[in-house]
Each structure stands twice: as C-alpha cells, then as structure tokens.
N, C-alpha and C. Protein backbone atom coordinates (compact mmCIF):
# COMPACT_ATOMS: atom_id res chain seq x y z
N MET A 1 -25.82 86.07 -3.34
CA MET A 1 -25.47 87.12 -3.08
C MET A 1 -26.09 88.32 -2.30
N THR A 2 -25.63 89.92 -1.73
CA THR A 2 -26.10 90.56 -0.75
C THR A 2 -26.64 91.76 -1.34
N SER A 3 -27.28 92.17 -0.55
CA SER A 3 -28.39 93.21 -0.91
C SER A 3 -27.66 94.58 -0.17
N TYR A 4 -27.93 95.79 0.43
CA TYR A 4 -27.10 96.37 1.03
C TYR A 4 -28.43 96.57 1.95
N VAL A 5 -29.53 96.99 1.86
CA VAL A 5 -31.05 97.19 2.91
C VAL A 5 -31.19 95.91 3.57
N MET A 6 -31.04 94.94 3.29
CA MET A 6 -31.90 93.64 3.98
C MET A 6 -30.83 92.15 4.67
N ARG A 7 -31.14 91.96 5.92
CA ARG A 7 -30.76 91.80 6.89
C ARG A 7 -28.95 90.56 6.19
N PRO A 8 -27.76 90.47 6.40
CA PRO A 8 -27.32 89.22 5.96
C PRO A 8 -27.50 88.09 6.49
N ASP A 9 -28.27 87.81 7.34
CA ASP A 9 -28.83 86.89 8.61
C ASP A 9 -29.83 85.55 7.70
N GLY A 10 -30.22 85.91 6.23
CA GLY A 10 -31.27 85.28 5.28
C GLY A 10 -32.69 85.70 5.74
N SER A 11 -32.69 86.41 6.62
CA SER A 11 -34.60 86.55 7.70
C SER A 11 -35.24 87.31 6.63
N GLY A 12 -34.29 88.02 5.74
CA GLY A 12 -35.30 88.25 4.41
C GLY A 12 -35.55 90.01 5.15
N LYS A 13 -35.98 90.48 6.27
CA LYS A 13 -35.96 91.31 7.16
C LYS A 13 -35.42 92.35 6.16
N PRO A 14 -35.41 93.80 6.79
CA PRO A 14 -34.89 95.25 6.14
C PRO A 14 -33.62 95.20 7.09
N LEU A 15 -33.00 96.09 6.84
CA LEU A 15 -32.45 96.93 7.64
C LEU A 15 -33.10 98.06 8.40
N THR A 16 -32.76 98.96 9.40
CA THR A 16 -33.54 99.81 9.87
C THR A 16 -32.36 101.42 9.02
N ALA A 17 -33.23 102.36 8.84
CA ALA A 17 -32.12 103.34 8.09
C ALA A 17 -31.39 103.19 9.23
N GLY A 18 -30.86 103.02 10.39
CA GLY A 18 -29.65 103.11 10.83
C GLY A 18 -28.24 102.70 10.84
N GLU A 19 -28.95 101.05 10.79
CA GLU A 19 -28.23 100.01 10.39
C GLU A 19 -28.69 100.32 8.90
N VAL A 20 -28.53 100.76 7.40
CA VAL A 20 -28.13 100.92 6.23
C VAL A 20 -27.28 102.53 6.05
N LYS A 21 -27.02 103.18 7.51
CA LYS A 21 -26.41 104.31 8.05
C LYS A 21 -25.15 103.78 7.72
N GLN A 22 -24.76 102.59 8.79
CA GLN A 22 -23.70 102.02 9.41
C GLN A 22 -23.17 101.37 7.92
N ARG A 23 -24.17 101.09 7.43
CA ARG A 23 -23.42 99.89 6.36
C ARG A 23 -22.91 101.00 5.44
N PHE A 24 -23.35 102.03 4.81
CA PHE A 24 -22.66 102.52 3.82
C PHE A 24 -21.81 103.04 4.38
N ALA A 25 -21.71 104.09 5.61
CA ALA A 25 -19.98 104.65 6.20
C ALA A 25 -19.13 103.32 6.39
N ASN A 26 -19.42 101.90 6.11
CA ASN A 26 -17.98 101.06 6.25
C ASN A 26 -18.01 100.63 4.72
N VAL A 27 -18.88 100.63 3.56
CA VAL A 27 -18.55 100.09 2.46
C VAL A 27 -16.85 100.04 2.01
N THR A 28 -16.46 98.83 1.49
CA THR A 28 -15.02 98.84 1.35
C THR A 28 -14.93 98.44 -0.03
N ARG A 29 -14.05 98.24 -0.67
CA ARG A 29 -13.82 97.72 -2.42
C ARG A 29 -13.55 96.08 -1.47
N GLY A 30 -14.21 95.48 -2.29
CA GLY A 30 -13.51 94.16 -1.99
C GLY A 30 -15.22 93.27 -0.81
N SER A 31 -15.76 93.54 -0.09
CA SER A 31 -17.27 93.55 0.59
C SER A 31 -18.37 93.53 -0.65
N ASP A 32 -18.27 94.52 -1.23
CA ASP A 32 -19.17 94.90 -2.49
C ASP A 32 -20.01 94.01 -3.65
N LEU A 33 -20.47 93.89 -4.32
CA LEU A 33 -21.20 93.10 -5.60
C LEU A 33 -20.25 93.52 -6.30
N ILE A 34 -19.19 92.75 -6.74
CA ILE A 34 -18.77 93.26 -7.80
C ILE A 34 -19.02 92.27 -9.42
N LEU A 35 -18.95 93.23 -10.28
CA LEU A 35 -19.64 92.61 -11.63
C LEU A 35 -18.13 92.71 -12.12
N VAL A 36 -18.10 91.03 -13.51
CA VAL A 36 -16.85 91.50 -14.25
C VAL A 36 -17.49 90.26 -15.50
N GLY A 37 -16.90 91.42 -16.71
CA GLY A 37 -17.40 90.92 -17.56
C GLY A 37 -17.80 91.00 -19.25
N THR A 38 -18.97 90.95 -19.72
CA THR A 38 -18.75 91.71 -21.12
C THR A 38 -20.34 92.42 -21.09
N PRO A 39 -20.16 93.22 -21.76
CA PRO A 39 -21.55 94.53 -21.07
C PRO A 39 -22.86 93.36 -21.21
N ASP A 40 -23.09 92.13 -22.03
CA ASP A 40 -24.33 91.28 -21.52
C ASP A 40 -24.83 90.68 -20.30
N GLN A 41 -22.42 90.37 -19.97
CA GLN A 41 -22.87 89.52 -18.75
C GLN A 41 -23.31 89.98 -17.32
N ILE A 42 -22.47 91.61 -17.59
CA ILE A 42 -22.78 92.28 -16.65
C ILE A 42 -24.32 92.71 -16.26
N ALA A 43 -24.71 92.97 -17.34
CA ALA A 43 -26.40 92.72 -17.20
C ALA A 43 -27.11 92.23 -16.69
N GLU A 44 -27.00 90.85 -17.20
CA GLU A 44 -27.50 89.50 -17.17
C GLU A 44 -27.34 89.65 -15.65
N GLN A 45 -25.78 89.13 -14.52
CA GLN A 45 -25.72 89.26 -13.47
C GLN A 45 -26.78 90.13 -12.66
N ILE A 46 -26.68 91.78 -13.10
CA ILE A 46 -27.87 92.68 -12.64
C ILE A 46 -29.23 92.41 -11.97
N GLU A 47 -29.12 91.71 -13.21
CA GLU A 47 -30.86 91.48 -13.80
C GLU A 47 -31.20 89.99 -12.24
N GLN A 48 -30.61 89.23 -12.01
CA GLN A 48 -30.31 88.07 -12.16
C GLN A 48 -30.22 88.76 -10.60
N HIS A 49 -29.40 89.76 -10.26
CA HIS A 49 -28.79 89.80 -8.22
C HIS A 49 -30.82 91.02 -7.88
N ALA A 50 -31.03 91.77 -9.18
CA ALA A 50 -32.12 92.76 -8.65
C ALA A 50 -33.31 91.40 -8.49
N ALA A 51 -33.71 90.64 -9.51
CA ALA A 51 -34.26 89.58 -8.88
C ALA A 51 -34.19 88.86 -7.50
N ILE A 52 -33.60 88.45 -7.52
CA ILE A 52 -33.07 87.49 -5.99
C ILE A 52 -33.41 88.57 -5.10
N SER A 53 -32.88 90.18 -5.55
CA SER A 53 -32.70 90.49 -3.85
C SER A 53 -33.63 92.12 -3.57
N GLY A 54 -34.65 92.11 -4.87
CA GLY A 54 -35.28 92.89 -5.09
C GLY A 54 -35.08 94.61 -5.05
N THR A 55 -34.10 94.05 -5.04
CA THR A 55 -33.49 95.77 -5.55
C THR A 55 -33.26 96.25 -6.36
N SER A 56 -33.86 97.93 -6.69
CA SER A 56 -34.34 98.34 -7.24
C SER A 56 -33.34 99.58 -8.41
N GLY A 57 -32.68 99.36 -7.33
CA GLY A 57 -31.17 100.67 -7.70
C GLY A 57 -29.97 100.28 -7.33
N TYR A 58 -28.68 100.68 -8.01
CA TYR A 58 -27.18 100.22 -7.31
C TYR A 58 -26.52 101.73 -7.47
N MET A 59 -26.00 101.78 -6.67
CA MET A 59 -24.93 102.31 -6.23
C MET A 59 -23.43 102.42 -6.45
N LEU A 60 -23.16 103.16 -7.70
CA LEU A 60 -21.72 102.36 -8.68
C LEU A 60 -20.24 102.58 -7.81
N ASN A 61 -19.05 101.50 -7.35
CA ASN A 61 -18.21 102.53 -6.92
C ASN A 61 -17.37 102.61 -8.19
N GLN A 62 -16.17 103.06 -8.85
CA GLN A 62 -15.86 103.17 -10.37
C GLN A 62 -14.26 102.65 -9.19
N LEU A 63 -13.53 101.31 -9.53
CA LEU A 63 -13.04 100.01 -9.53
C LEU A 63 -11.61 101.17 -10.45
N ILE A 64 -11.93 101.35 -11.20
CA ILE A 64 -10.48 102.00 -12.17
C ILE A 64 -10.66 103.16 -12.70
N SER A 65 -10.23 104.42 -12.36
CA SER A 65 -9.97 105.38 -12.55
C SER A 65 -8.96 105.57 -13.66
N PRO A 66 -9.07 106.76 -14.65
CA PRO A 66 -10.25 107.02 -15.32
C PRO A 66 -11.37 106.13 -15.85
N GLY A 67 -12.22 106.00 -16.70
CA GLY A 67 -13.14 105.18 -17.99
C GLY A 67 -14.20 104.29 -17.32
N SER A 68 -14.05 103.54 -15.78
CA SER A 68 -15.04 102.73 -15.89
C SER A 68 -16.92 102.77 -15.57
N LEU A 69 -16.75 103.99 -15.14
CA LEU A 69 -18.02 104.95 -15.22
C LEU A 69 -18.28 104.69 -16.48
N ASP A 70 -17.60 105.65 -17.40
CA ASP A 70 -17.58 106.30 -18.86
C ASP A 70 -17.83 104.92 -18.93
N ASP A 71 -17.02 103.97 -19.78
CA ASP A 71 -17.66 102.17 -20.32
C ASP A 71 -18.70 101.31 -19.57
N PHE A 72 -19.46 102.26 -18.12
CA PHE A 72 -19.91 101.35 -18.07
C PHE A 72 -21.73 102.27 -18.33
N VAL A 73 -21.43 103.01 -18.46
CA VAL A 73 -22.83 104.11 -19.84
C VAL A 73 -22.56 103.80 -20.51
N GLU A 74 -21.99 103.55 -21.27
CA GLU A 74 -21.12 103.26 -22.53
C GLU A 74 -21.70 102.29 -23.08
N TRP A 75 -21.63 101.21 -22.53
CA TRP A 75 -21.29 99.98 -22.75
C TRP A 75 -23.19 98.42 -22.11
N VAL A 76 -22.82 99.07 -20.63
CA VAL A 76 -23.81 98.41 -20.07
C VAL A 76 -24.93 98.99 -20.00
N ILE A 77 -25.06 100.24 -19.91
CA ILE A 77 -26.24 100.66 -19.77
C ILE A 77 -27.26 100.35 -21.32
N PRO A 78 -26.74 100.07 -22.50
CA PRO A 78 -27.70 100.18 -23.90
C PRO A 78 -27.73 98.28 -23.91
N ALA A 79 -27.07 97.38 -22.88
CA ALA A 79 -27.53 96.07 -22.63
C ALA A 79 -28.72 96.09 -21.30
N LEU A 80 -28.62 97.08 -20.28
CA LEU A 80 -29.34 96.74 -19.75
C LEU A 80 -31.57 97.41 -20.22
N GLN A 81 -31.00 98.49 -21.15
CA GLN A 81 -31.87 99.44 -21.60
C GLN A 81 -32.77 98.08 -23.46
N LYS A 82 -31.98 96.89 -23.31
CA LYS A 82 -32.15 96.51 -24.37
C LYS A 82 -33.09 95.24 -23.41
N ARG A 83 -32.64 94.59 -22.33
CA ARG A 83 -33.64 94.24 -21.04
C ARG A 83 -35.13 94.73 -20.20
N GLY A 84 -35.10 95.77 -20.79
CA GLY A 84 -36.18 96.47 -20.36
C GLY A 84 -35.34 97.16 -18.75
N LEU A 85 -34.60 96.84 -17.67
CA LEU A 85 -34.08 97.42 -16.53
C LEU A 85 -33.78 99.10 -16.94
N TYR A 86 -33.09 99.43 -17.47
CA TYR A 86 -33.31 100.54 -17.74
C TYR A 86 -33.54 101.87 -18.38
N ARG A 87 -34.07 103.25 -17.86
CA ARG A 87 -35.15 103.59 -19.07
C ARG A 87 -34.98 104.26 -19.97
N THR A 88 -35.36 104.08 -21.13
CA THR A 88 -34.85 105.39 -22.01
C THR A 88 -34.92 106.31 -21.90
N GLN A 89 -36.09 106.96 -22.18
CA GLN A 89 -36.66 108.01 -21.66
C GLN A 89 -36.36 108.50 -20.43
N PRO A 90 -36.33 109.78 -19.75
CA PRO A 90 -36.49 110.66 -18.09
C PRO A 90 -37.74 110.33 -17.95
N GLN A 91 -37.78 110.68 -16.79
CA GLN A 91 -39.10 110.35 -16.28
C GLN A 91 -39.39 112.15 -16.46
N THR A 92 -40.71 111.83 -16.88
CA THR A 92 -40.96 113.38 -16.41
C THR A 92 -41.69 113.54 -14.81
N GLY A 93 -41.67 115.13 -15.01
CA GLY A 93 -43.06 115.11 -13.37
C GLY A 93 -41.51 116.00 -12.63
N THR A 94 -42.34 116.36 -11.02
CA THR A 94 -40.99 116.90 -10.09
C THR A 94 -41.18 115.25 -8.96
N LEU A 95 -40.23 115.46 -8.66
CA LEU A 95 -39.56 114.11 -7.41
C LEU A 95 -41.47 113.99 -6.49
N ARG A 96 -41.30 114.74 -6.26
CA ARG A 96 -42.65 114.67 -5.94
C ARG A 96 -43.73 114.06 -5.82
N SER A 97 -44.08 114.09 -6.55
CA SER A 97 -45.18 113.63 -8.16
C SER A 97 -44.81 112.88 -9.01
N ARG A 98 -43.48 112.35 -9.05
CA ARG A 98 -43.84 110.56 -9.23
C ARG A 98 -43.57 109.60 -7.61
N LEU A 99 -43.51 110.23 -6.57
CA LEU A 99 -43.42 109.63 -5.13
C LEU A 99 -44.38 109.34 -4.66
N ASN A 100 -45.77 110.06 -4.84
CA ASN A 100 -46.86 110.62 -4.10
C ASN A 100 -47.87 109.48 -4.85
N PRO A 101 -48.40 108.66 -3.94
CA PRO A 101 -49.47 108.11 -4.88
C PRO A 101 -50.35 108.59 -5.48
N GLU A 102 -50.55 109.52 -5.41
CA GLU A 102 -51.79 110.65 -6.36
C GLU A 102 -50.76 110.74 -7.38
N GLY A 103 -49.89 110.93 -7.51
CA GLY A 103 -49.12 111.91 -8.15
C GLY A 103 -49.33 112.96 -8.39
N GLY A 104 -49.64 114.08 -7.40
CA GLY A 104 -49.52 115.37 -7.33
C GLY A 104 -48.42 115.41 -6.48
N ASP A 105 -48.22 117.67 -6.75
CA ASP A 105 -46.87 117.80 -6.90
C ASP A 105 -46.77 118.90 -5.24
N ARG A 106 -48.34 118.80 -4.85
CA ARG A 106 -47.88 118.74 -3.16
C ARG A 106 -48.23 118.51 -2.20
N LEU A 107 -48.05 118.67 -1.54
CA LEU A 107 -48.44 117.85 0.14
C LEU A 107 -49.60 117.75 0.51
N PRO A 108 -50.24 116.44 0.72
CA PRO A 108 -51.78 116.66 0.77
C PRO A 108 -52.05 117.47 2.01
N ASP A 109 -53.03 118.03 2.05
CA ASP A 109 -53.41 118.67 2.51
C ASP A 109 -53.19 118.22 4.58
N SER A 110 -53.74 117.04 4.79
CA SER A 110 -53.38 116.09 5.87
C SER A 110 -51.98 115.63 5.74
N ALA A 111 -50.70 116.58 5.48
CA ALA A 111 -49.36 116.53 6.38
C ALA A 111 -49.08 117.39 7.15
N TYR A 112 -48.53 117.25 7.49
CA TYR A 112 -47.25 117.69 8.76
C TYR A 112 -47.26 119.41 7.83
N GLY A 113 -46.46 119.15 7.36
CA GLY A 113 -45.99 119.93 6.26
C GLY A 113 -46.21 121.07 6.07
N ALA A 114 -48.11 121.19 4.88
CA ALA A 114 -48.84 121.54 4.67
C ALA A 114 -49.75 122.62 5.75
N SER A 115 -49.01 122.74 6.79
CA SER A 115 -49.76 123.67 7.46
C SER A 115 -48.49 125.02 7.60
N PHE A 116 -47.47 124.91 6.84
CA PHE A 116 -46.82 125.78 7.09
C PHE A 116 -46.37 127.00 5.45
N ARG A 117 -47.84 126.17 4.80
CA ARG A 117 -48.26 126.56 3.22
C ARG A 117 -48.56 128.33 3.62
N TYR A 118 -48.61 129.29 2.80
CA TYR A 118 -48.82 129.89 3.51
C TYR A 118 -49.51 131.22 1.81
C-alpha cells in the first residue's frame, strides 16, 4: 500500500512540501489506491491502509460519474462510523482552535502574525 506523504522507497521518511505538491500535480487514475468491494470490505481496506500508512485523511477521486461519491457517502461512511473511523458528529470550534494545542481561537502573542493585531 502507498501513501501520498511518505517516500515510496520504504524509508518511512515523509515527503517534503514541494514533493507532495509535485505528487498531487501528477495524480492519475490507475496509480492511486483503488478500493473495490462491499461497503464493509471498503471500510476494512481503508482501516488497514490507515493503520499501515498512518494516514488520517483521504482525497477521493470519483471514478464513475455521477453517483460514486454519493454511494460512498450513503454506504461506506456508515461502515466507517461503525468502526469508529469517521465522526458521527461535526467538530466544534474554529479551525484554529482545533489545530492549536492550547485550543485558543487567537494566535499566541509570541506568534509573528499576532504583531499585526490592532
């Protein structure tokens, strides 16, 4: 199994931001992780891939249009939720508060951007 953010050489080292940008610029169907099966089988494949790669999120490509993303939401998301791999409730708070280790909605005073407050 592969990961978009890990080097394919098996070293376990992450790609640089520029290498990730280049990787996403060249994504083509056929080189991506393709999941096929029942909703439970797909959920199991995602669970296994996430455990091996350390991935916590996925970018979905719609292979059959229209409908494949709708089918994913209708059938696979509930299977992922049963496994505890997908939230059943939306997160609360701002994006900054969710990313900030202290949970605050504002940049810490020591941050460069805080100097632009007025």
